[in-house]
Amino acid sequence: MNEPTRYPAAPDMSAPEIHCPVPLVPSPTAPLAPTQPGGIPSVASIVLPDGRVVTGYAVAPAQPEPVTAALAVSRAAVNVAVGGVGFLAVCGGLFLLTAFITALTALVTQLVILAAVIFGGWVAVQVFSASGHRGGTTVKIRKAVIKRSHFHS
């Protein structure tokens, strides 16, 4: 009735069997055929534990990059030097900025003084002009008769 659950048997974990087929070498009497440069790579087949066969070309392991010689200067010294160059660049920019602001301030000051001189000259010309006409309305009185008003209460 209640039988325990049976799992399939574990696959055989013995060492995989590797087949290395030998590539065909063309005979000297055969007609010339194009070949890959550097020869034909070797082909390897591997039988997996579950019975599948995997075939492919053998790939040479990647070679690591050659190690370069260590720098004679420490990284901290390089960082300080690069920071100094950056600081000098910023100082140069700040110097140019302050010089520009100073020149702009001098220009505005000169324009204000020029406007005051021109306006003051115009006012002086108006006040001290040689003509007798000073603007406004001129009334000429020839003969005035003034009568006293008598008020009776």
N, C-alpha and C. Protein backbone atom coordinates (compact mmCIF):
# COMPACT_ATOMS: atom_id res chain seq x y z
N MET A 1 0.81 -1.17 0.00
CA MET A 1 0.00 0.00 0.00
C MET A 1 0.86 1.25 0.00
N ASN A 2 1.49 1.51 1.08
CA ASN A 2 2.35 2.68 1.13
C ASN A 2 3.78 2.25 0.85
N GLU A 3 4.14 2.31 -0.43
CA GLU A 3 5.51 1.96 -0.78
C GLU A 3 6.35 3.21 -0.75
N PRO A 4 7.60 3.10 -0.32
CA PRO A 4 8.45 4.29 -0.33
C PRO A 4 8.74 4.73 -1.76
N THR A 5 8.91 6.03 -1.93
CA THR A 5 9.19 6.58 -3.25
C THR A 5 10.58 6.17 -3.66
N ARG A 6 10.72 5.68 -4.88
CA ARG A 6 12.02 5.26 -5.37
C ARG A 6 12.54 6.30 -6.34
N TYR A 7 13.77 6.69 -6.11
CA TYR A 7 14.42 7.66 -6.98
C TYR A 7 15.25 6.91 -8.00
N PRO A 8 15.46 7.47 -9.18
CA PRO A 8 16.29 6.77 -10.17
C PRO A 8 17.73 6.64 -9.64
N ALA A 9 18.39 5.65 -10.11
CA ALA A 9 19.76 5.40 -9.66
C ALA A 9 20.66 6.55 -10.10
N ALA A 10 21.65 6.85 -9.25
CA ALA A 10 22.59 7.94 -9.56
C ALA A 10 23.42 7.55 -10.77
N PRO A 11 23.76 8.50 -11.64
CA PRO A 11 24.55 8.16 -12.82
C PRO A 11 25.95 7.70 -12.40
N ASP A 12 26.55 6.92 -13.26
CA ASP A 12 27.89 6.40 -13.00
C ASP A 12 28.87 7.57 -13.05
N MET A 13 29.61 7.79 -11.96
CA MET A 13 30.51 8.92 -11.86
C MET A 13 31.96 8.52 -12.13
N SER A 14 32.15 7.50 -12.95
CA SER A 14 33.51 7.10 -13.26
C SER A 14 34.16 8.14 -14.16
N ALA A 15 35.45 8.03 -14.34
CA ALA A 15 36.18 9.00 -15.13
C ALA A 15 35.64 9.04 -16.55
N PRO A 16 35.47 10.25 -17.12
CA PRO A 16 34.94 10.32 -18.49
C PRO A 16 35.96 9.77 -19.49
N GLU A 17 35.42 9.20 -20.52
CA GLU A 17 36.27 8.63 -21.57
C GLU A 17 36.50 9.70 -22.63
N ILE A 18 37.76 9.98 -22.96
CA ILE A 18 38.10 11.03 -23.90
C ILE A 18 38.59 10.40 -25.19
N HIS A 19 37.98 10.77 -26.31
CA HIS A 19 38.39 10.30 -27.63
C HIS A 19 39.08 11.44 -28.34
N CYS A 20 40.26 11.21 -28.88
CA CYS A 20 40.99 12.21 -29.66
C CYS A 20 41.14 11.71 -31.08
N PRO A 21 40.21 12.09 -31.97
CA PRO A 21 40.34 11.64 -33.36
C PRO A 21 41.58 12.26 -34.00
N VAL A 22 42.20 11.55 -34.86
CA VAL A 22 43.39 12.01 -35.56
C VAL A 22 42.94 12.70 -36.83
N PRO A 23 43.37 13.96 -37.05
CA PRO A 23 42.96 14.65 -38.28
C PRO A 23 43.60 14.00 -39.49
N LEU A 24 42.91 14.08 -40.61
CA LEU A 24 43.42 13.52 -41.86
C LEU A 24 44.48 14.43 -42.44
N VAL A 25 45.59 13.85 -42.84
CA VAL A 25 46.65 14.61 -43.47
C VAL A 25 46.56 14.34 -44.97
N PRO A 26 46.50 15.39 -45.79
CA PRO A 26 46.38 15.15 -47.22
C PRO A 26 47.65 14.47 -47.76
N SER A 27 47.43 13.52 -48.65
CA SER A 27 48.58 12.81 -49.24
C SER A 27 49.22 13.69 -50.30
N PRO A 28 50.51 13.49 -50.56
CA PRO A 28 51.16 14.34 -51.55
C PRO A 28 50.62 14.13 -52.96
N THR A 29 49.97 13.01 -53.22
CA THR A 29 49.44 12.77 -54.56
C THR A 29 48.07 13.38 -54.75
N ALA A 30 47.42 13.73 -53.65
CA ALA A 30 46.07 14.32 -53.75
C ALA A 30 46.18 15.74 -54.27
N PRO A 31 45.13 16.22 -54.96
CA PRO A 31 45.16 17.60 -55.44
C PRO A 31 45.24 18.56 -54.26
N LEU A 32 45.86 19.72 -54.51
CA LEU A 32 46.01 20.71 -53.45
C LEU A 32 44.65 21.27 -53.03
N ALA A 33 44.46 21.36 -51.73
CA ALA A 33 43.22 21.90 -51.17
C ALA A 33 43.60 23.00 -50.21
N PRO A 34 42.75 24.02 -50.07
CA PRO A 34 43.08 25.09 -49.13
C PRO A 34 43.12 24.55 -47.70
N THR A 35 44.11 24.97 -46.95
CA THR A 35 44.24 24.56 -45.55
C THR A 35 44.25 25.78 -44.66
N GLN A 36 43.96 25.57 -43.41
CA GLN A 36 43.96 26.67 -42.46
C GLN A 36 45.40 27.07 -42.16
N PRO A 37 45.66 28.34 -41.99
CA PRO A 37 47.02 28.73 -41.63
C PRO A 37 47.39 28.18 -40.26
N GLY A 38 48.61 27.74 -40.12
CA GLY A 38 49.08 27.22 -38.84
C GLY A 38 48.69 25.79 -38.60
N GLY A 39 48.13 25.11 -39.55
CA GLY A 39 47.77 23.70 -39.36
C GLY A 39 46.34 23.56 -38.90
N ILE A 40 45.94 22.31 -38.78
CA ILE A 40 44.58 22.00 -38.36
C ILE A 40 44.58 21.79 -36.86
N PRO A 41 43.70 22.45 -36.12
CA PRO A 41 43.69 22.24 -34.67
C PRO A 41 43.19 20.84 -34.33
N SER A 42 43.60 20.34 -33.19
CA SER A 42 43.18 19.01 -32.79
C SER A 42 41.75 19.04 -32.30
N VAL A 43 41.03 17.94 -32.57
CA VAL A 43 39.63 17.83 -32.19
C VAL A 43 39.56 16.84 -31.04
N ALA A 44 38.78 17.18 -30.00
CA ALA A 44 38.65 16.30 -28.84
C ALA A 44 37.19 15.96 -28.63
N SER A 45 36.93 14.71 -28.22
CA SER A 45 35.58 14.26 -27.89
C SER A 45 35.58 13.79 -26.45
N ILE A 46 34.54 14.12 -25.72
CA ILE A 46 34.42 13.71 -24.32
C ILE A 46 33.09 13.01 -24.16
N VAL A 47 33.09 11.86 -23.49
CA VAL A 47 31.86 11.14 -23.18
C VAL A 47 31.46 11.52 -21.78
N LEU A 48 30.29 12.13 -21.64
CA LEU A 48 29.80 12.56 -20.34
C LEU A 48 29.24 11.36 -19.59
N PRO A 49 29.10 11.44 -18.24
CA PRO A 49 28.60 10.30 -17.46
C PRO A 49 27.21 9.84 -17.88
N ASP A 50 26.39 10.72 -18.43
CA ASP A 50 25.05 10.29 -18.84
C ASP A 50 25.04 9.70 -20.24
N GLY A 51 26.20 9.57 -20.88
CA GLY A 51 26.29 8.90 -22.17
C GLY A 51 26.39 9.83 -23.36
N ARG A 52 26.22 11.14 -23.18
CA ARG A 52 26.33 12.07 -24.30
C ARG A 52 27.79 12.27 -24.66
N VAL A 53 28.05 12.53 -25.94
CA VAL A 53 29.41 12.76 -26.44
C VAL A 53 29.50 14.22 -26.87
N VAL A 54 30.50 14.94 -26.36
CA VAL A 54 30.73 16.34 -26.72
C VAL A 54 32.03 16.38 -27.48
N THR A 55 31.98 16.96 -28.71
CA THR A 55 33.16 17.06 -29.56
C THR A 55 33.44 18.53 -29.85
N GLY A 56 34.71 18.91 -29.82
CA GLY A 56 35.05 20.29 -30.11
C GLY A 56 36.54 20.46 -30.24
N TYR A 57 36.94 21.64 -30.67
CA TYR A 57 38.36 21.96 -30.81
C TYR A 57 38.94 22.29 -29.45
N ALA A 58 40.18 21.89 -29.27
CA ALA A 58 40.88 22.24 -28.04
C ALA A 58 41.28 23.71 -28.11
N VAL A 59 41.06 24.43 -27.05
CA VAL A 59 41.38 25.85 -27.01
C VAL A 59 42.57 26.03 -26.07
N ALA A 60 43.56 26.74 -26.57
CA ALA A 60 44.73 27.00 -25.73
C ALA A 60 44.34 27.95 -24.61
N PRO A 61 44.82 27.71 -23.40
CA PRO A 61 44.47 28.62 -22.30
C PRO A 61 45.03 30.01 -22.56
N ALA A 62 44.32 31.01 -22.07
CA ALA A 62 44.73 32.39 -22.27
C ALA A 62 45.99 32.65 -21.46
N GLN A 63 46.94 33.30 -22.10
CA GLN A 63 48.20 33.64 -21.43
C GLN A 63 48.01 34.97 -20.70
N PRO A 64 48.44 35.05 -19.45
CA PRO A 64 48.30 36.33 -18.73
C PRO A 64 49.21 37.38 -19.34
N GLU A 65 48.82 38.63 -19.12
CA GLU A 65 49.62 39.75 -19.60
C GLU A 65 50.96 39.75 -18.87
N PRO A 66 52.02 40.11 -19.56
CA PRO A 66 53.31 40.19 -18.84
C PRO A 66 53.27 41.32 -17.81
N VAL A 67 53.88 41.07 -16.69
CA VAL A 67 53.89 42.04 -15.61
C VAL A 67 54.90 43.14 -15.95
N THR A 68 54.43 44.36 -15.86
CA THR A 68 55.32 45.48 -16.15
C THR A 68 56.13 45.82 -14.90
N ALA A 69 57.21 46.48 -15.10
CA ALA A 69 58.06 46.87 -13.97
C ALA A 69 57.34 47.88 -13.11
N ALA A 70 57.57 47.83 -11.82
CA ALA A 70 56.94 48.76 -10.89
C ALA A 70 57.49 50.17 -11.12
N LEU A 71 56.63 51.14 -10.91
CA LEU A 71 57.03 52.53 -11.08
C LEU A 71 58.07 52.91 -10.02
N ALA A 72 59.00 53.76 -10.40
CA ALA A 72 60.00 54.22 -9.47
C ALA A 72 59.42 55.26 -8.52
N VAL A 73 58.24 55.82 -8.86
CA VAL A 73 57.63 56.87 -8.05
C VAL A 73 56.37 56.28 -7.42
N SER A 74 56.11 56.62 -6.18
CA SER A 74 54.93 56.09 -5.51
C SER A 74 53.66 56.76 -6.05
N ARG A 75 52.55 56.07 -5.86
CA ARG A 75 51.27 56.62 -6.33
C ARG A 75 50.91 57.89 -5.57
N ALA A 76 51.25 57.95 -4.31
CA ALA A 76 50.94 59.16 -3.53
C ALA A 76 51.66 60.38 -4.10
N ALA A 77 52.91 60.20 -4.51
CA ALA A 77 53.65 61.32 -5.09
C ALA A 77 53.02 61.76 -6.40
N VAL A 78 52.58 60.78 -7.18
CA VAL A 78 51.93 61.13 -8.46
C VAL A 78 50.63 61.87 -8.19
N ASN A 79 49.86 61.42 -7.21
CA ASN A 79 48.59 62.08 -6.89
C ASN A 79 48.83 63.51 -6.41
N VAL A 80 49.86 63.72 -5.59
CA VAL A 80 50.18 65.07 -5.12
C VAL A 80 50.58 65.96 -6.29
N ALA A 81 51.37 65.41 -7.21
CA ALA A 81 51.81 66.21 -8.36
C ALA A 81 50.62 66.58 -9.24
N VAL A 82 49.74 65.62 -9.50
CA VAL A 82 48.56 65.90 -10.34
C VAL A 82 47.66 66.91 -9.64
N GLY A 83 47.51 66.77 -8.32
CA GLY A 83 46.72 67.75 -7.57
C GLY A 83 47.32 69.13 -7.64
N GLY A 84 48.65 69.23 -7.60
CA GLY A 84 49.31 70.53 -7.71
C GLY A 84 49.07 71.17 -9.06
N VAL A 85 49.12 70.35 -10.12
CA VAL A 85 48.85 70.89 -11.46
C VAL A 85 47.42 71.39 -11.55
N GLY A 86 46.49 70.63 -10.99
CA GLY A 86 45.08 71.06 -10.99
C GLY A 86 44.88 72.33 -10.19
N PHE A 87 45.57 72.43 -9.04
CA PHE A 87 45.47 73.64 -8.21
C PHE A 87 46.01 74.85 -8.97
N LEU A 88 47.13 74.67 -9.67
CA LEU A 88 47.67 75.78 -10.46
C LEU A 88 46.71 76.21 -11.56
N ALA A 89 46.06 75.24 -12.18
CA ALA A 89 45.09 75.58 -13.23
C ALA A 89 43.92 76.36 -12.65
N VAL A 90 43.44 75.94 -11.48
CA VAL A 90 42.33 76.65 -10.84
C VAL A 90 42.76 78.04 -10.43
N CYS A 91 43.98 78.18 -9.88
CA CYS A 91 44.46 79.50 -9.48
C CYS A 91 44.56 80.44 -10.68
N GLY A 92 45.04 79.90 -11.80
CA GLY A 92 45.11 80.72 -13.01
C GLY A 92 43.73 81.18 -13.44
N GLY A 93 42.76 80.27 -13.38
CA GLY A 93 41.39 80.64 -13.73
C GLY A 93 40.82 81.67 -12.78
N LEU A 94 41.08 81.51 -11.49
CA LEU A 94 40.60 82.50 -10.51
C LEU A 94 41.26 83.85 -10.71
N PHE A 95 42.56 83.82 -11.06
CA PHE A 95 43.26 85.09 -11.33
C PHE A 95 42.62 85.80 -12.52
N LEU A 96 42.32 85.04 -13.58
CA LEU A 96 41.67 85.65 -14.74
C LEU A 96 40.28 86.17 -14.39
N LEU A 97 39.56 85.42 -13.55
CA LEU A 97 38.22 85.85 -13.15
C LEU A 97 38.27 87.15 -12.35
N THR A 98 39.20 87.25 -11.39
CA THR A 98 39.29 88.48 -10.60
C THR A 98 39.76 89.64 -11.46
N ALA A 99 40.68 89.37 -12.41
CA ALA A 99 41.11 90.46 -13.31
C ALA A 99 39.94 90.94 -14.17
N PHE A 100 39.10 90.02 -14.62
CA PHE A 100 37.93 90.40 -15.43
C PHE A 100 36.95 91.22 -14.59
N ILE A 101 36.70 90.80 -13.36
CA ILE A 101 35.77 91.54 -12.50
C ILE A 101 36.31 92.94 -12.19
N THR A 102 37.62 93.05 -11.95
CA THR A 102 38.23 94.35 -11.69
C THR A 102 38.10 95.27 -12.90
N ALA A 103 38.38 94.76 -14.08
CA ALA A 103 38.26 95.57 -15.31
C ALA A 103 36.80 95.99 -15.54
N LEU A 104 35.87 95.10 -15.28
CA LEU A 104 34.45 95.43 -15.47
C LEU A 104 34.02 96.51 -14.47
N THR A 105 34.50 96.41 -13.24
CA THR A 105 34.18 97.44 -12.24
C THR A 105 34.74 98.80 -12.65
N ALA A 106 35.98 98.83 -13.14
CA ALA A 106 36.58 100.09 -13.59
C ALA A 106 35.79 100.67 -14.76
N LEU A 107 35.35 99.84 -15.69
CA LEU A 107 34.56 100.31 -16.84
C LEU A 107 33.25 100.94 -16.38
N VAL A 108 32.55 100.26 -15.49
CA VAL A 108 31.27 100.79 -15.00
C VAL A 108 31.49 102.11 -14.27
N THR A 109 32.54 102.19 -13.46
CA THR A 109 32.84 103.44 -12.74
C THR A 109 33.11 104.58 -13.72
N GLN A 110 33.89 104.33 -14.75
CA GLN A 110 34.18 105.36 -15.74
C GLN A 110 32.92 105.79 -16.49
N LEU A 111 32.05 104.84 -16.79
CA LEU A 111 30.79 105.19 -17.49
C LEU A 111 29.90 106.06 -16.59
N VAL A 112 29.86 105.77 -15.30
CA VAL A 112 29.05 106.59 -14.38
C VAL A 112 29.63 108.00 -14.28
N ILE A 113 30.95 108.09 -14.18
CA ILE A 113 31.59 109.42 -14.11
C ILE A 113 31.36 110.20 -15.41
N LEU A 114 31.47 109.54 -16.55
CA LEU A 114 31.23 110.19 -17.84
C LEU A 114 29.79 110.70 -17.93
N ALA A 115 28.83 109.89 -17.48
CA ALA A 115 27.43 110.32 -17.51
C ALA A 115 27.23 111.53 -16.59
N ALA A 116 27.87 111.54 -15.41
CA ALA A 116 27.73 112.68 -14.50
C ALA A 116 28.33 113.94 -15.09
N VAL A 117 29.47 113.82 -15.76
CA VAL A 117 30.11 114.99 -16.37
C VAL A 117 29.24 115.54 -17.49
N ILE A 118 28.71 114.65 -18.34
CA ILE A 118 27.87 115.11 -19.45
C ILE A 118 26.60 115.76 -18.92
N PHE A 119 25.95 115.13 -17.94
CA PHE A 119 24.72 115.70 -17.38
C PHE A 119 25.01 117.04 -16.68
N GLY A 120 26.12 117.10 -15.94
CA GLY A 120 26.48 118.36 -15.27
C GLY A 120 26.79 119.46 -16.27
N GLY A 121 27.44 119.13 -17.36
CA GLY A 121 27.70 120.12 -18.41
C GLY A 121 26.42 120.62 -19.04
N TRP A 122 25.48 119.75 -19.25
CA TRP A 122 24.20 120.15 -19.84
C TRP A 122 23.46 121.09 -18.88
N VAL A 123 23.46 120.78 -17.59
CA VAL A 123 22.81 121.64 -16.61
C VAL A 123 23.50 123.00 -16.57
N ALA A 124 24.83 123.03 -16.61
CA ALA A 124 25.56 124.30 -16.57
C ALA A 124 25.25 125.15 -17.79
N VAL A 125 25.15 124.53 -18.95
CA VAL A 125 24.81 125.28 -20.16
C VAL A 125 23.41 125.86 -20.03
N GLN A 126 22.49 125.15 -19.45
CA GLN A 126 21.13 125.65 -19.31
C GLN A 126 21.07 126.82 -18.31
N VAL A 127 21.85 126.73 -17.26
CA VAL A 127 21.80 127.77 -16.23
C VAL A 127 22.51 129.04 -16.69
N PHE A 128 23.67 128.86 -17.28
CA PHE A 128 24.50 130.02 -17.62
C PHE A 128 24.42 130.41 -19.10
N SER A 129 23.36 130.10 -19.74
CA SER A 129 23.26 130.45 -21.17
C SER A 129 23.16 131.97 -21.32
N ALA A 130 23.64 132.54 -22.44
CA ALA A 130 23.72 133.98 -22.67
C ALA A 130 22.38 134.58 -23.06
N SER A 131 21.48 133.82 -23.54
CA SER A 131 20.20 134.39 -23.98
C SER A 131 19.37 134.80 -22.77
N GLY A 132 18.53 135.83 -23.00
CA GLY A 132 17.70 136.34 -21.91
C GLY A 132 16.49 135.45 -21.69
N HIS A 133 16.15 134.65 -22.59
CA HIS A 133 14.98 133.81 -22.46
C HIS A 133 15.34 132.61 -21.62
N ARG A 134 14.63 132.52 -20.49
CA ARG A 134 14.95 131.41 -19.60
C ARG A 134 13.80 130.42 -19.53
N GLY A 135 12.97 130.42 -20.49
CA GLY A 135 11.86 129.49 -20.48
C GLY A 135 10.69 130.05 -19.69
N GLY A 136 9.61 129.40 -19.69
CA GLY A 136 8.44 129.82 -18.95
C GLY A 136 7.60 130.81 -19.76
N THR A 137 6.66 131.51 -19.09
CA THR A 137 5.77 132.47 -19.75
C THR A 137 6.19 133.89 -19.40
N THR A 138 6.31 134.75 -20.44
CA THR A 138 6.67 136.15 -20.21
C THR A 138 5.40 137.01 -20.31
N VAL A 139 5.15 137.84 -19.31
CA VAL A 139 3.97 138.73 -19.31
C VAL A 139 4.48 140.16 -19.26
N LYS A 140 4.06 140.97 -20.23
CA LYS A 140 4.46 142.38 -20.25
C LYS A 140 3.28 143.21 -19.76
N ILE A 141 3.55 144.02 -18.79
CA ILE A 141 2.50 144.87 -18.22
C ILE A 141 2.79 146.30 -18.68
N ARG A 142 1.83 146.92 -19.42
CA ARG A 142 2.04 148.29 -19.89
C ARG A 142 1.51 149.32 -18.89
N LYS A 143 0.31 149.17 -18.57
CA LYS A 143 -0.29 150.16 -17.68
C LYS A 143 -1.28 149.45 -16.79
N ALA A 144 -1.11 149.56 -15.55
CA ALA A 144 -2.02 148.88 -14.64
C ALA A 144 -2.82 149.93 -13.87
N VAL A 145 -4.07 149.65 -13.77
CA VAL A 145 -4.95 150.53 -13.01
C VAL A 145 -5.45 149.71 -11.83
N ILE A 146 -5.18 150.19 -10.65
CA ILE A 146 -5.58 149.46 -9.46
C ILE A 146 -6.66 150.32 -8.78
N LYS A 147 -7.77 149.78 -8.57
CA LYS A 147 -8.87 150.46 -7.88
C LYS A 147 -9.04 149.79 -6.54
N ARG A 148 -9.39 150.68 -5.60
CA ARG A 148 -9.68 150.14 -4.28
C ARG A 148 -11.12 149.69 -4.23
N SER A 149 -11.24 148.58 -3.65
CA SER A 149 -12.59 148.08 -3.49
C SER A 149 -13.17 148.58 -2.19
N HIS A 150 -14.40 149.09 -2.27
CA HIS A 150 -15.06 149.56 -1.06
C HIS A 150 -16.08 148.54 -0.67
N PHE A 151 -15.94 148.11 0.50
CA PHE A 151 -16.89 147.13 1.01
C PHE A 151 -17.78 147.85 2.03
N HIS A 152 -19.06 147.76 1.84
CA HIS A 152 -20.01 148.40 2.76
C HIS A 152 -20.66 147.33 3.58
N SER A 153 -20.70 147.59 4.82
CA SER A 153 -21.34 146.61 5.66
C SER A 153 -22.71 147.04 6.09
